[in-house]
């Protein structure tokens, strides 16, 4: 069999297929395999999550989570962790339920996988980008044409990835192949990318981090698309960090025209905040409003809130309308969002081969017998936190078991 693409999904597909006795050729377009593994998590490789079962599936959204159920339950995060630890890569949990190698080196994860590739007898062919693929008229198999020659096999796993991290050579090679074989493509868009925001005061807050803000993204009709309570970073271009990046796929999917509301103090109600300001006015009305806002908010942010609310006065002179504006801003700091920073900054791709056309128990195409898909080429994406690697490993394993 042939596996096209030596990323997380392709490596596991090749390993599993070879270990069950298949002769496997693994084609990789780059000189080195696993480049996305090497650069993920800042070079530390957040390879999976501690979440399991229905909780894990829910992170991908209802539709994608249901489709992934068999893959994730047959190869859940503990199984992935056990596989790597048995290969000599000790792991540890960090913030946001993330799993990393103890060494902090993504290269350790990749080398463990490559050691399994070698031990299983997989033939890895680097610098072999897929130029085209066709059915072999002689036996109904496939012929993949590359600069290294033509490769024939009875079955093919396409694990060519998406369009994210173009510096790793990602060009969406598999999309044209899937379409040529009759598959529907959900339009690929950037996901897990920082949000671009064209609001000057947002840029002026660059460097400020909100560890536990709650973000609510709405579309043009006001419908809620996604809610996240995760760290948020203001930047000179907009918003980054796990919270905003989790929302980017929804923004791009809707073609922009979204609105983001940030609850800066999710642990306090509007009534609590209003009462606190009134109490401050009674205790020492001479204090400036900026110093009466919640202390957990950075000073620059408090000053911005006061400016936007037109409330730059003493707390005693703060009128009811201005106080209401301040409270509303703290509970729903509203920012228009029309785009992300694009594929050049995206960690994953949303969209790809339509899931309805792929058997979720085997990863085999429902349209083309013996053609399999795994990883990011599929219309699957999850939030930051190792979910996308987990889906890639799980779908790659299923493809390797059945191809």
Protein backbone atom coordinates (compact mmCIF):
# COMPACT_ATOMS: atom_id res chain seq x y z
CA UNK A 1 0.00 0.00 0.00
CA UNK A 2 0.98 3.64 -0.43
CA UNK A 3 0.70 6.37 2.18
CA UNK A 4 1.03 9.89 0.81
CA UNK A 5 2.23 12.37 3.44
CA UNK A 6 4.53 11.67 6.39
CA UNK A 7 2.91 13.84 9.02
CA UNK A 8 1.19 12.62 12.16
CA UNK A 9 -1.63 10.83 10.31
CA UNK A 10 0.56 9.37 7.59
CA UNK A 11 3.25 8.12 9.95
CA UNK A 12 0.75 6.26 12.11
CA UNK A 13 -1.09 4.86 9.10
CA UNK A 14 2.19 3.51 7.72
CA UNK A 15 3.30 2.07 11.07
CA UNK A 16 0.00 0.30 11.77
CA UNK A 17 -0.31 -1.10 8.24
CA UNK A 18 3.28 -2.39 8.19
CA UNK A 19 2.99 -3.91 11.65
CA UNK A 20 0.02 -5.95 10.48
CA UNK A 21 2.06 -7.31 7.59
CA UNK A 22 1.42 -4.92 4.71
CA UNK A 23 4.25 -3.79 2.44
CA UNK A 24 4.15 -0.01 2.82
CA UNK A 25 5.73 2.83 0.89
CA UNK A 26 5.47 6.22 2.59
CA UNK A 27 5.85 9.20 0.24
CA UNK A 28 6.87 12.58 1.67
CA UNK A 29 7.19 15.76 -0.38
CA UNK A 30 9.78 17.36 1.93
CA UNK A 31 13.33 16.29 2.54
CA UNK A 32 12.41 15.57 6.16
CA UNK A 33 9.18 13.99 7.43
CA UNK A 34 7.04 15.34 10.25
CA UNK A 35 7.89 19.05 9.92
CA UNK A 36 4.59 20.10 11.47
CA UNK A 37 5.29 17.85 14.46
CA UNK A 38 8.66 19.55 14.90
CA UNK A 39 7.31 23.11 14.97
CA UNK A 40 4.10 22.49 16.90
CA UNK A 41 3.72 23.91 20.37
CA UNK A 42 6.67 26.21 19.88
CA UNK A 43 8.88 23.24 19.13
CA UNK A 44 7.63 21.34 22.18
CA UNK A 45 4.79 19.37 20.52
CA UNK A 46 1.45 19.50 22.33
CA UNK A 47 0.59 16.06 21.01
CA UNK A 48 -2.74 15.35 22.72
CA UNK A 49 -5.09 16.21 25.59
CA UNK A 50 -6.25 14.62 28.83
CA UNK A 51 -9.90 14.78 27.74
CA UNK A 52 -11.60 11.54 26.72
CA UNK A 53 -14.95 10.07 25.68
CA UNK A 54 -17.92 12.33 25.00
CA UNK A 55 -16.06 15.31 26.44
CA UNK A 56 -13.26 14.85 23.91
CA UNK A 57 -15.67 14.41 21.00
CA UNK A 58 -17.57 17.56 21.95
CA UNK A 59 -14.46 19.66 21.42
CA UNK A 60 -14.73 19.13 17.66
CA UNK A 61 -18.36 20.27 17.50
CA UNK A 62 -21.43 18.06 17.33
CA UNK A 63 -21.18 17.01 13.68
CA UNK A 64 -17.43 16.42 13.50
CA UNK A 65 -17.37 14.89 16.98
CA UNK A 66 -20.00 12.30 16.07
CA UNK A 67 -18.09 11.37 12.94
CA UNK A 68 -14.83 11.02 14.88
CA UNK A 69 -16.36 8.92 17.67
CA UNK A 70 -15.12 5.53 16.46
CA UNK A 71 -11.59 6.79 15.74
CA UNK A 72 -11.26 8.59 19.07
CA UNK A 73 -12.71 5.78 21.17
CA UNK A 74 -10.65 3.08 19.47
CA UNK A 75 -7.47 5.15 19.95
CA UNK A 76 -8.08 7.67 22.77
CA UNK A 77 -5.45 9.98 24.25
CA UNK A 78 -4.34 7.45 26.92
CA UNK A 79 -3.58 4.93 24.15
CA UNK A 80 -1.52 7.48 22.23
CA UNK A 81 0.34 8.42 25.41
CA UNK A 82 1.01 4.75 26.23
CA UNK A 83 2.36 4.18 22.74
CA UNK A 84 4.83 7.04 23.00
CA UNK A 85 5.88 6.34 26.56
CA UNK A 86 6.56 2.71 25.65
CA UNK A 87 8.78 4.08 22.88
CA UNK A 88 10.84 5.99 25.45
CA UNK A 89 9.13 9.40 25.39
CA UNK A 90 7.90 10.27 28.90
CA UNK A 91 4.99 12.72 28.91
CA UNK A 92 3.46 15.23 31.29
CA UNK A 93 0.26 17.26 31.60
CA UNK A 94 0.43 21.05 31.51
CA UNK A 95 -2.13 23.89 31.62
CA UNK A 96 -5.38 23.57 29.63
CA UNK A 97 -5.21 19.74 29.78
CA UNK A 98 -2.31 19.67 27.30
CA UNK A 99 0.14 16.76 27.04
CA UNK A 100 3.80 17.42 26.15
CA UNK A 101 6.97 15.36 26.17
CA UNK A 102 8.82 15.85 29.48
CA UNK A 103 11.93 16.82 27.54
CA UNK A 104 10.13 19.70 25.88
CA UNK A 105 11.51 18.53 22.53
CA UNK A 106 9.16 17.82 19.64
CA UNK A 107 12.03 15.99 17.99
CA UNK A 108 11.72 13.22 20.59
CA UNK A 109 8.13 12.52 19.49
CA UNK A 110 9.08 12.48 15.81
CA UNK A 111 12.11 10.27 16.35
CA UNK A 112 10.01 7.76 18.31
CA UNK A 113 7.56 7.55 15.41
CA UNK A 114 10.34 7.25 12.84
CA UNK A 115 11.95 4.47 14.87
CA UNK A 116 8.65 2.56 14.63
CA UNK A 117 8.56 3.28 10.88
CA UNK A 118 12.02 1.81 10.43
CA UNK A 119 11.36 -1.17 12.69
CA UNK A 120 8.16 -2.00 10.80
CA UNK A 121 10.01 -2.07 7.48
CA UNK A 122 8.23 0.91 5.94
CA UNK A 123 10.01 2.32 2.90
CA UNK A 124 10.12 6.08 3.42
CA UNK A 125 10.70 8.05 0.21
CA UNK A 126 11.51 11.75 0.86
CA UNK A 127 11.36 14.54 -1.71
CA UNK A 128 8.59 12.69 -3.52
CA UNK A 129 5.66 15.11 -3.94
CA UNK A 130 2.59 13.60 -5.52
CA UNK A 131 2.21 14.98 -9.04
CA UNK A 132 -0.84 12.93 -9.94
CA UNK A 133 -2.69 9.75 -9.07
CA UNK A 134 -4.76 7.45 -11.23
CA UNK A 135 -6.37 4.04 -11.17
CA UNK A 136 -4.14 1.27 -12.47
CA UNK A 137 -6.00 -0.34 -15.41
CA UNK A 138 -4.12 -3.58 -14.89
CA UNK A 139 -5.46 -4.47 -11.46
CA UNK A 140 -7.75 -1.66 -10.32
CA UNK A 141 -5.17 -0.35 -7.86
CA UNK A 142 -3.50 3.04 -7.97
CA UNK A 143 -0.47 4.66 -9.58
CA UNK A 144 1.04 7.70 -7.86
CA UNK A 145 3.42 9.76 -10.00
CA UNK A 146 6.27 11.63 -8.30
CA UNK A 147 9.65 13.06 -9.33
CA UNK A 148 11.12 9.88 -7.83
CA UNK A 149 9.13 7.73 -10.24
CA UNK A 150 5.75 6.04 -10.33
CA UNK A 151 4.57 3.95 -7.38
CA UNK A 152 1.87 1.28 -7.69
CA UNK A 153 -0.22 -0.20 -4.91
CA UNK A 154 -3.62 -1.82 -4.41
CA UNK A 155 -4.63 0.86 -1.87
CA UNK A 156 -3.68 4.44 -1.05
CA UNK A 157 -3.97 6.54 2.10
CA UNK A 158 -4.05 10.27 1.42
CA UNK A 159 -2.64 12.05 4.48
CA UNK A 160 -1.44 15.16 2.68
CA UNK A 161 -2.67 17.69 5.23
CA UNK A 162 -4.31 21.03 4.56
CA UNK A 163 -3.13 24.57 3.88
CA UNK A 164 -1.93 25.62 7.34
CA UNK A 165 1.75 26.25 8.11
CA UNK A 166 2.71 26.80 4.44
CA UNK A 167 6.35 27.06 5.48
CA UNK A 168 6.23 23.31 6.03
CA UNK A 169 5.32 22.82 2.39
CA UNK A 170 1.57 22.56 2.96
CA UNK A 171 -0.19 23.34 -0.32
CA UNK A 172 -3.33 21.23 -0.07
CA UNK A 173 -2.02 18.70 -2.60
CA UNK A 174 -4.65 16.14 -1.73
CA UNK A 175 -7.63 18.39 -2.38
CA UNK A 176 -7.31 18.27 -6.17
CA UNK A 177 -6.92 14.49 -6.04
CA UNK A 178 -10.01 14.08 -3.86
CA UNK A 179 -12.01 16.32 -6.17
CA UNK A 180 -10.78 14.44 -9.26
CA UNK A 181 -12.08 11.21 -7.72
CA UNK A 182 -15.51 12.80 -7.26
CA UNK A 183 -15.27 13.91 -3.64
CA UNK A 184 -16.92 17.07 -2.34
CA UNK A 185 -14.64 19.61 -0.68
CA UNK A 186 -15.86 21.80 2.14
CA UNK A 187 -14.06 25.07 1.27
CA UNK A 188 -10.80 25.17 3.29
CA UNK A 189 -10.32 28.20 5.55
CA UNK A 190 -7.69 29.09 8.17
CA UNK A 191 -8.34 27.93 11.73
CA UNK A 192 -6.45 28.42 15.00
CA UNK A 193 -5.06 31.71 13.73
CA UNK A 194 -4.88 35.07 15.54
CA UNK A 195 -7.77 37.42 14.84
CA UNK A 196 -7.17 40.63 12.92
CA UNK A 197 -8.96 43.57 14.55
CA UNK A 198 -9.12 47.03 12.96
CA UNK A 199 -9.73 48.93 16.20
CA UNK A 200 -6.92 51.29 17.30
CA UNK A 201 -7.50 50.96 21.05
CA UNK A 202 -7.17 47.17 20.74
CA UNK A 203 -3.73 47.64 19.17
CA UNK A 204 -2.77 50.05 21.96
CA UNK A 205 -3.35 47.27 24.49
CA UNK A 206 -0.72 45.03 22.86
CA UNK A 207 0.99 42.77 25.38
CA UNK A 208 -1.90 42.54 27.83
CA UNK A 209 -2.99 39.00 28.71
CA UNK A 210 -6.38 38.06 30.15
CA UNK A 211 -5.96 34.58 31.68
CA UNK A 212 -9.65 33.70 32.05
CA UNK A 213 -11.78 35.99 29.88
CA UNK A 214 -14.95 34.52 28.38
CA UNK A 215 -15.31 35.11 24.66
CA UNK A 216 -18.63 34.93 22.80
CA UNK A 217 -18.57 35.06 19.00
CA UNK A 218 -21.74 35.97 17.09
CA UNK A 219 -22.49 36.09 13.40
CA UNK A 220 -24.13 38.98 11.55
CA UNK A 221 -27.60 37.84 12.68
CA UNK A 222 -26.55 37.76 16.33
CA UNK A 223 -26.54 33.97 16.58
CA UNK A 224 -23.89 32.59 18.93
CA UNK A 225 -21.23 30.65 17.00
CA UNK A 226 -18.86 29.73 19.82
CA UNK A 227 -18.10 30.49 23.47
CA UNK A 228 -14.64 30.04 24.95
CA UNK A 229 -13.16 30.81 28.38
CA UNK A 230 -9.45 30.65 27.63
CA UNK A 231 -6.46 33.02 27.76
CA UNK A 232 -6.59 36.05 25.48
CA UNK A 233 -3.68 38.20 24.32
CA UNK A 234 -3.98 41.69 22.85
CA UNK A 235 -1.51 42.28 20.01
CA UNK A 236 -0.56 45.11 17.67
CA UNK A 237 -2.66 43.39 14.99
CA UNK A 238 -5.63 42.23 17.04
CA UNK A 239 -6.21 39.30 19.39
CA UNK A 240 -4.28 36.08 19.90
CA UNK A 241 -3.94 33.33 22.49
CA UNK A 242 -6.01 30.14 22.82
CA UNK A 243 -9.38 31.89 23.17
CA UNK A 244 -9.33 34.09 20.06
CA UNK A 245 -7.48 31.49 17.97
CA UNK A 246 -10.17 28.90 18.75
CA UNK A 247 -12.70 31.30 17.20
CA UNK A 248 -10.87 32.05 13.96
CA UNK A 249 -12.25 29.10 12.00
CA UNK A 250 -15.81 30.30 12.70
CA UNK A 251 -14.93 33.83 11.58
CA UNK A 252 -13.40 32.59 8.32
CA UNK A 253 -16.18 30.08 7.74
CA UNK A 254 -18.73 32.90 7.90
CA UNK A 255 -16.66 35.17 5.66
CA UNK A 256 -16.19 37.69 8.45
CA UNK A 257 -18.93 40.07 9.65
CA UNK A 258 -18.71 38.62 13.15
CA UNK A 259 -18.84 40.30 16.53
CA UNK A 260 -16.79 39.27 19.54
CA UNK A 261 -17.96 40.06 23.08
CA UNK A 262 -15.36 39.66 25.83
CA UNK A 263 -16.52 39.16 29.40
CA UNK A 264 -13.51 40.56 31.25
CA UNK A 265 -14.72 39.43 34.68
CA UNK A 266 -16.77 36.26 34.17
CA UNK A 267 -16.73 35.54 37.89
CA UNK A 268 -18.75 38.69 38.68
CA UNK A 269 -22.25 39.65 37.61
CA UNK A 270 -23.28 43.03 36.24
CA UNK A 271 -25.14 43.68 39.49
CA UNK A 272 -22.00 42.91 41.52
CA UNK A 273 -19.90 45.31 39.44
CA UNK A 274 -22.50 48.06 39.63
CA UNK A 275 -22.79 47.64 43.40
CA UNK A 276 -19.02 47.76 43.81
CA UNK A 277 -18.82 51.10 42.00
CA UNK A 278 -21.61 52.54 44.13
CA UNK A 279 -19.88 51.32 47.28
CA UNK A 280 -16.62 52.96 46.20
CA UNK A 281 -18.46 56.25 45.62
CA UNK A 282 -19.80 56.12 49.17
CA UNK A 283 -16.47 55.07 50.68
CA UNK A 284 -14.22 57.62 48.95
CA UNK A 285 -15.86 59.52 46.13
CA UNK A 286 -12.67 61.43 45.31
CA UNK A 287 -10.99 58.36 43.82
CA UNK A 288 -10.72 58.24 40.05
CA UNK A 289 -12.95 55.71 38.32
CA UNK A 290 -9.97 53.93 36.75
CA UNK A 291 -8.76 52.95 40.23
CA UNK A 292 -12.18 51.66 41.26
CA UNK A 293 -12.48 49.03 38.56
CA UNK A 294 -11.64 45.39 39.39
CA UNK A 295 -7.99 45.12 40.43
CA UNK A 296 -7.50 41.94 38.38
CA UNK A 297 -7.83 44.00 35.19
CA UNK A 298 -4.51 45.46 33.97
CA UNK A 299 -4.23 49.22 34.47
CA UNK A 300 -3.94 50.00 30.75
CA UNK A 301 -7.13 48.05 30.11
CA UNK A 302 -8.94 49.85 32.92
CA UNK A 303 -7.86 53.19 31.45
CA UNK A 304 -9.15 52.14 28.04
CA UNK A 305 -12.50 51.08 29.47
CA UNK A 306 -12.88 54.44 31.18
CA UNK A 307 -12.00 56.24 27.94
CA UNK A 308 -14.36 54.21 25.76
CA UNK A 309 -17.18 54.64 28.30
CA UNK A 310 -16.52 58.40 28.54
CA UNK A 311 -16.20 57.96 32.29
CA UNK A 312 -12.89 59.70 33.05
CA UNK A 313 -13.95 61.33 36.30
CA UNK A 314 -14.11 60.64 40.01
CA UNK A 315 -16.29 57.80 41.18
CA UNK A 316 -18.57 60.26 43.05
CA UNK A 317 -19.22 62.18 39.83
CA UNK A 318 -19.86 59.05 37.80
CA UNK A 319 -23.41 59.26 36.54
CA UNK A 320 -25.77 56.34 36.26
CA UNK A 321 -25.53 56.15 32.46
CA UNK A 322 -21.72 56.21 32.46
CA UNK A 323 -21.65 53.61 35.23
CA UNK A 324 -23.95 51.40 33.15
CA UNK A 325 -21.69 51.81 30.12
CA UNK A 326 -18.67 50.78 32.17
CA UNK A 327 -20.38 47.70 33.56
CA UNK A 328 -21.59 46.72 30.10
CA UNK A 329 -18.06 47.06 28.72
CA UNK A 330 -16.62 44.88 31.47
CA UNK A 331 -19.21 42.18 30.85
CA UNK A 332 -19.30 42.44 27.05
CA UNK A 333 -16.42 44.38 25.54
CA UNK A 334 -17.65 44.25 21.95
CA UNK A 335 -15.27 44.18 19.00
CA UNK A 336 -16.04 43.70 15.29
CA UNK A 337 -14.03 40.86 13.75
CA UNK A 338 -13.90 40.27 10.00
CA UNK A 339 -10.94 37.98 9.43
CA UNK A 340 -7.99 36.11 10.91
CA UNK A 341 -4.35 36.57 9.99
CA UNK A 342 -4.76 33.83 7.41
CA UNK A 343 -3.11 30.54 6.52
CA UNK A 344 0.39 31.91 7.10
CA UNK A 345 -0.47 32.12 10.82
CA UNK A 346 -2.98 29.26 11.04
CA UNK A 347 -2.17 26.08 12.95
CA UNK A 348 -4.81 24.00 11.17
CA UNK A 349 -7.24 24.06 8.27
CA UNK A 350 -11.01 23.98 8.64
CA UNK A 351 -12.77 22.30 5.72
CA UNK A 352 -11.54 19.59 3.37
CA UNK A 353 -12.93 16.26 2.21
CA UNK A 354 -16.60 16.03 3.17
CA UNK A 355 -17.06 13.59 6.06
CA UNK A 356 -20.28 12.12 4.69
CA UNK A 357 -18.23 10.63 1.81
CA UNK A 358 -15.77 8.78 4.09
CA UNK A 359 -16.53 5.74 6.25
CA UNK A 360 -15.75 6.81 9.85
CA UNK A 361 -14.99 3.21 10.92
CA UNK A 362 -12.33 2.58 8.27
CA UNK A 363 -11.44 5.98 6.69
CA UNK A 364 -12.20 4.45 3.29
CA UNK A 365 -13.80 6.59 0.63
CA UNK A 366 -17.48 5.78 0.11
CA UNK A 367 -16.99 6.71 -3.55
CA UNK A 368 -13.68 5.08 -4.47
CA UNK A 369 -12.89 1.62 -3.08
CA UNK A 370 -9.40 1.26 -1.51
CA UNK A 371 -8.85 5.03 -1.33
CA UNK A 372 -8.47 6.21 2.28
CA UNK A 373 -8.18 9.60 3.94
CA UNK A 374 -6.58 10.55 7.26
CA UNK A 375 -5.72 13.70 9.17
CA UNK A 376 -6.11 17.32 8.17
CA UNK A 377 -7.19 16.62 4.59
CA UNK A 378 -10.57 15.74 6.12
CA UNK A 379 -13.11 18.34 7.23
CA UNK A 380 -11.99 18.04 10.85
CA UNK A 381 -10.54 20.58 13.24
CA UNK A 382 -10.55 21.12 16.95
CA UNK A 383 -9.46 23.82 19.42
CA UNK A 384 -5.95 24.47 20.65
CA UNK A 385 -4.77 21.84 23.10
CA UNK A 386 -3.58 18.77 21.19
CA UNK A 387 -6.98 17.96 19.71
CA UNK A 388 -5.86 18.20 16.10
CA UNK A 389 -2.89 15.88 16.56
CA UNK A 390 -5.14 13.45 18.42
CA UNK A 391 -7.60 13.39 15.51
CA UNK A 392 -4.74 12.95 13.03
CA UNK A 393 -3.20 10.03 14.94
CA UNK A 394 -6.59 8.37 15.50
CA UNK A 395 -7.76 8.63 11.88
CA UNK A 396 -4.31 7.60 10.62
CA UNK A 397 -4.41 4.48 12.78
CA UNK A 398 -7.83 3.49 11.43
CA UNK A 399 -6.68 3.97 7.85
CA UNK A 400 -3.61 1.84 8.58
CA UNK A 401 -5.76 -0.91 10.03
CA UNK A 402 -8.00 -1.15 6.99
CA UNK A 403 -6.07 -0.01 3.91
